Amino acid sequence: MRAADPSTAAWRKSSSSDEDGGECLEVAGRLPLAPVRDSRNPTGPALLFGTGAWASFTAGVKGAAGAR
């Protein structure tokens, strides 16, 4: 398994991010873990989630958004 090195990862911003730089998350893909960080602090810490846990979380968020 590759080591998770978020410093060299390709980050992408949430499609729900505020255009004014508000509450934004970025997630990096193609790693054995899913690192998530605050887009306003790209050199700050990243939370690391297992890819299965991240997939479950995003599915839950999408389901909750669709239920509104």
N, C-alpha and C. Protein backbone atom coordinates (compact mmCIF):
# COMPACT_ATOMS: atom_id res chain seq x y z
N MET A 1 0.84 -1.18 0.00
CA MET A 1 0.00 0.00 0.00
C MET A 1 0.89 1.25 0.00
N ARG A 2 0.53 2.24 -0.81
CA ARG A 2 1.26 3.50 -0.83
C ARG A 2 1.01 4.28 0.45
N ALA A 3 1.98 5.06 0.84
CA ALA A 3 1.77 5.96 1.97
C ALA A 3 0.88 7.11 1.53
N ALA A 4 0.04 7.59 2.40
CA ALA A 4 -0.81 8.73 2.10
C ALA A 4 -0.01 10.00 2.34
N ASP A 5 0.30 10.72 1.27
CA ASP A 5 1.04 11.98 1.38
C ASP A 5 0.18 13.08 0.77
N PRO A 6 -0.66 13.72 1.59
CA PRO A 6 -1.57 14.74 1.07
C PRO A 6 -0.86 15.96 0.48
N SER A 7 0.41 16.18 0.83
CA SER A 7 1.11 17.36 0.32
C SER A 7 1.34 17.29 -1.18
N THR A 8 1.34 16.10 -1.75
CA THR A 8 1.55 15.96 -3.19
C THR A 8 0.28 15.56 -3.93
N ALA A 9 -0.83 15.55 -3.23
CA ALA A 9 -2.10 15.10 -3.82
C ALA A 9 -2.74 16.19 -4.68
N ALA A 10 -3.59 15.75 -5.59
CA ALA A 10 -4.40 16.67 -6.39
C ALA A 10 -5.69 16.93 -5.62
N TRP A 11 -5.87 18.12 -5.12
CA TRP A 11 -7.02 18.47 -4.30
C TRP A 11 -8.14 19.01 -5.18
N ARG A 12 -9.39 18.75 -4.78
CA ARG A 12 -10.53 19.34 -5.47
C ARG A 12 -11.50 19.90 -4.43
N LYS A 13 -12.08 21.03 -4.77
CA LYS A 13 -12.98 21.73 -3.86
C LYS A 13 -14.39 21.19 -3.99
N SER A 14 -15.10 21.20 -2.90
CA SER A 14 -16.49 20.75 -2.90
C SER A 14 -17.30 21.55 -3.91
N SER A 15 -18.18 20.87 -4.63
CA SER A 15 -19.05 21.56 -5.59
C SER A 15 -20.06 22.46 -4.87
N SER A 16 -20.22 22.28 -3.57
CA SER A 16 -21.15 23.11 -2.78
C SER A 16 -20.45 24.27 -2.11
N SER A 17 -19.19 24.51 -2.44
CA SER A 17 -18.43 25.57 -1.80
C SER A 17 -18.98 26.94 -2.15
N ASP A 18 -18.86 27.82 -1.21
CA ASP A 18 -19.29 29.21 -1.35
C ASP A 18 -18.30 29.96 -2.24
N GLU A 19 -18.79 30.64 -3.26
CA GLU A 19 -17.92 31.39 -4.18
C GLU A 19 -17.17 32.51 -3.49
N ASP A 20 -17.66 32.98 -2.34
CA ASP A 20 -17.02 34.08 -1.62
C ASP A 20 -15.93 33.59 -0.66
N GLY A 21 -15.55 32.35 -0.77
CA GLY A 21 -14.49 31.82 0.10
C GLY A 21 -14.99 31.42 1.46
N GLY A 22 -16.25 31.15 1.57
CA GLY A 22 -16.84 30.75 2.84
C GLY A 22 -16.46 29.34 3.23
N GLU A 23 -17.38 28.61 3.76
CA GLU A 23 -17.13 27.28 4.28
C GLU A 23 -16.83 26.30 3.15
N CYS A 24 -15.56 26.02 2.93
CA CYS A 24 -15.14 25.18 1.81
C CYS A 24 -14.32 23.99 2.29
N LEU A 25 -14.59 22.86 1.72
CA LEU A 25 -13.79 21.67 1.94
C LEU A 25 -13.10 21.29 0.65
N GLU A 26 -11.92 20.72 0.79
CA GLU A 26 -11.23 20.12 -0.34
C GLU A 26 -10.92 18.69 0.02
N VAL A 27 -10.98 17.82 -0.95
CA VAL A 27 -10.65 16.41 -0.74
C VAL A 27 -9.66 16.00 -1.82
N ALA A 28 -8.74 15.14 -1.46
CA ALA A 28 -7.77 14.64 -2.43
C ALA A 28 -8.09 13.18 -2.71
N GLY A 29 -7.98 12.81 -3.96
CA GLY A 29 -8.28 11.44 -4.35
C GLY A 29 -7.03 10.67 -4.72
N ARG A 30 -7.25 9.43 -5.10
CA ARG A 30 -6.20 8.53 -5.57
C ARG A 30 -5.13 8.22 -4.52
N LEU A 31 -5.54 8.22 -3.27
CA LEU A 31 -4.67 7.81 -2.17
C LEU A 31 -5.38 6.67 -1.44
N PRO A 32 -4.64 5.89 -0.64
CA PRO A 32 -5.30 4.82 0.10
C PRO A 32 -6.25 5.34 1.18
N LEU A 33 -6.12 6.61 1.53
CA LEU A 33 -7.03 7.27 2.46
C LEU A 33 -7.60 8.50 1.76
N ALA A 34 -8.68 9.05 2.28
CA ALA A 34 -9.29 10.25 1.71
C ALA A 34 -8.96 11.43 2.62
N PRO A 35 -7.95 12.24 2.26
CA PRO A 35 -7.64 13.42 3.08
C PRO A 35 -8.62 14.55 2.77
N VAL A 36 -9.05 15.24 3.82
CA VAL A 36 -9.99 16.35 3.72
C VAL A 36 -9.38 17.53 4.47
N ARG A 37 -9.46 18.73 3.87
CA ARG A 37 -8.89 19.91 4.52
C ARG A 37 -9.78 21.13 4.29
N ASP A 38 -9.49 22.17 5.03
CA ASP A 38 -10.15 23.47 4.89
C ASP A 38 -9.47 24.20 3.73
N SER A 39 -10.22 24.57 2.71
CA SER A 39 -9.61 25.20 1.54
C SER A 39 -9.00 26.56 1.86
N ARG A 40 -9.43 27.20 2.93
CA ARG A 40 -8.84 28.48 3.32
C ARG A 40 -7.51 28.32 4.03
N ASN A 41 -7.16 27.08 4.38
CA ASN A 41 -5.90 26.81 5.08
C ASN A 41 -5.22 25.60 4.44
N PRO A 42 -4.78 25.72 3.18
CA PRO A 42 -4.23 24.56 2.47
C PRO A 42 -2.94 24.00 3.05
N THR A 43 -2.24 24.76 3.86
CA THR A 43 -1.03 24.23 4.48
C THR A 43 -1.30 23.71 5.89
N GLY A 44 -2.56 23.82 6.31
CA GLY A 44 -2.94 23.34 7.63
C GLY A 44 -3.15 21.84 7.64
N PRO A 45 -3.69 21.33 8.73
CA PRO A 45 -3.87 19.88 8.86
C PRO A 45 -4.96 19.35 7.94
N ALA A 46 -4.84 18.09 7.63
CA ALA A 46 -5.86 17.37 6.86
C ALA A 46 -6.36 16.21 7.72
N LEU A 47 -7.65 15.98 7.68
CA LEU A 47 -8.22 14.80 8.33
C LEU A 47 -8.15 13.66 7.35
N LEU A 48 -7.76 12.49 7.81
CA LEU A 48 -7.65 11.32 6.94
C LEU A 48 -8.76 10.33 7.28
N PHE A 49 -9.53 9.96 6.26
CA PHE A 49 -10.61 9.00 6.41
C PHE A 49 -10.32 7.79 5.53
N GLY A 50 -10.72 6.62 5.98
CA GLY A 50 -10.67 5.45 5.12
C GLY A 50 -11.59 5.69 3.93
N THR A 51 -11.25 5.15 2.78
CA THR A 51 -12.05 5.43 1.59
C THR A 51 -13.48 4.90 1.72
N GLY A 52 -13.66 3.78 2.40
CA GLY A 52 -15.01 3.26 2.62
C GLY A 52 -15.83 4.19 3.50
N ALA A 53 -15.23 4.70 4.56
CA ALA A 53 -15.92 5.63 5.46
C ALA A 53 -16.26 6.92 4.72
N TRP A 54 -15.35 7.42 3.90
CA TRP A 54 -15.60 8.64 3.14
C TRP A 54 -16.74 8.43 2.13
N ALA A 55 -16.75 7.29 1.47
CA ALA A 55 -17.81 7.00 0.51
C ALA A 55 -19.16 6.94 1.21
N SER A 56 -19.22 6.33 2.39
CA SER A 56 -20.46 6.26 3.16
C SER A 56 -20.91 7.66 3.58
N PHE A 57 -19.97 8.48 4.01
CA PHE A 57 -20.29 9.84 4.43
C PHE A 57 -20.87 10.65 3.26
N THR A 58 -20.19 10.62 2.12
CA THR A 58 -20.67 11.41 0.99
C THR A 58 -22.02 10.90 0.47
N ALA A 59 -22.24 9.60 0.52
CA ALA A 59 -23.54 9.05 0.11
C ALA A 59 -24.63 9.55 1.06
N GLY A 60 -24.32 9.60 2.34
CA GLY A 60 -25.28 10.10 3.33
C GLY A 60 -25.60 11.57 3.14
N VAL A 61 -24.59 12.36 2.84
CA VAL A 61 -24.79 13.80 2.60
C VAL A 61 -25.65 14.00 1.35
N LYS A 62 -25.34 13.26 0.30
CA LYS A 62 -26.12 13.38 -0.94
C LYS A 62 -27.58 12.97 -0.70
N GLY A 63 -27.77 11.91 0.09
CA GLY A 63 -29.13 11.47 0.40
C GLY A 63 -29.89 12.49 1.22
N ALA A 64 -29.21 13.12 2.17
CA ALA A 64 -29.86 14.14 3.01
C ALA A 64 -30.19 15.39 2.18
N ALA A 65 -29.32 15.74 1.26
CA ALA A 65 -29.56 16.91 0.40
C ALA A 65 -30.74 16.66 -0.52
N GLY A 66 -30.88 15.43 -1.00
CA GLY A 66 -31.98 15.09 -1.89
C GLY A 66 -33.33 15.02 -1.17
N ALA A 67 -33.27 14.84 0.16
CA ALA A 67 -34.50 14.70 0.93
C ALA A 67 -35.11 16.04 1.29
N ARG A 68 -34.39 17.14 1.03
CA ARG A 68 -34.91 18.48 1.39
C ARG A 68 -35.99 18.92 0.48
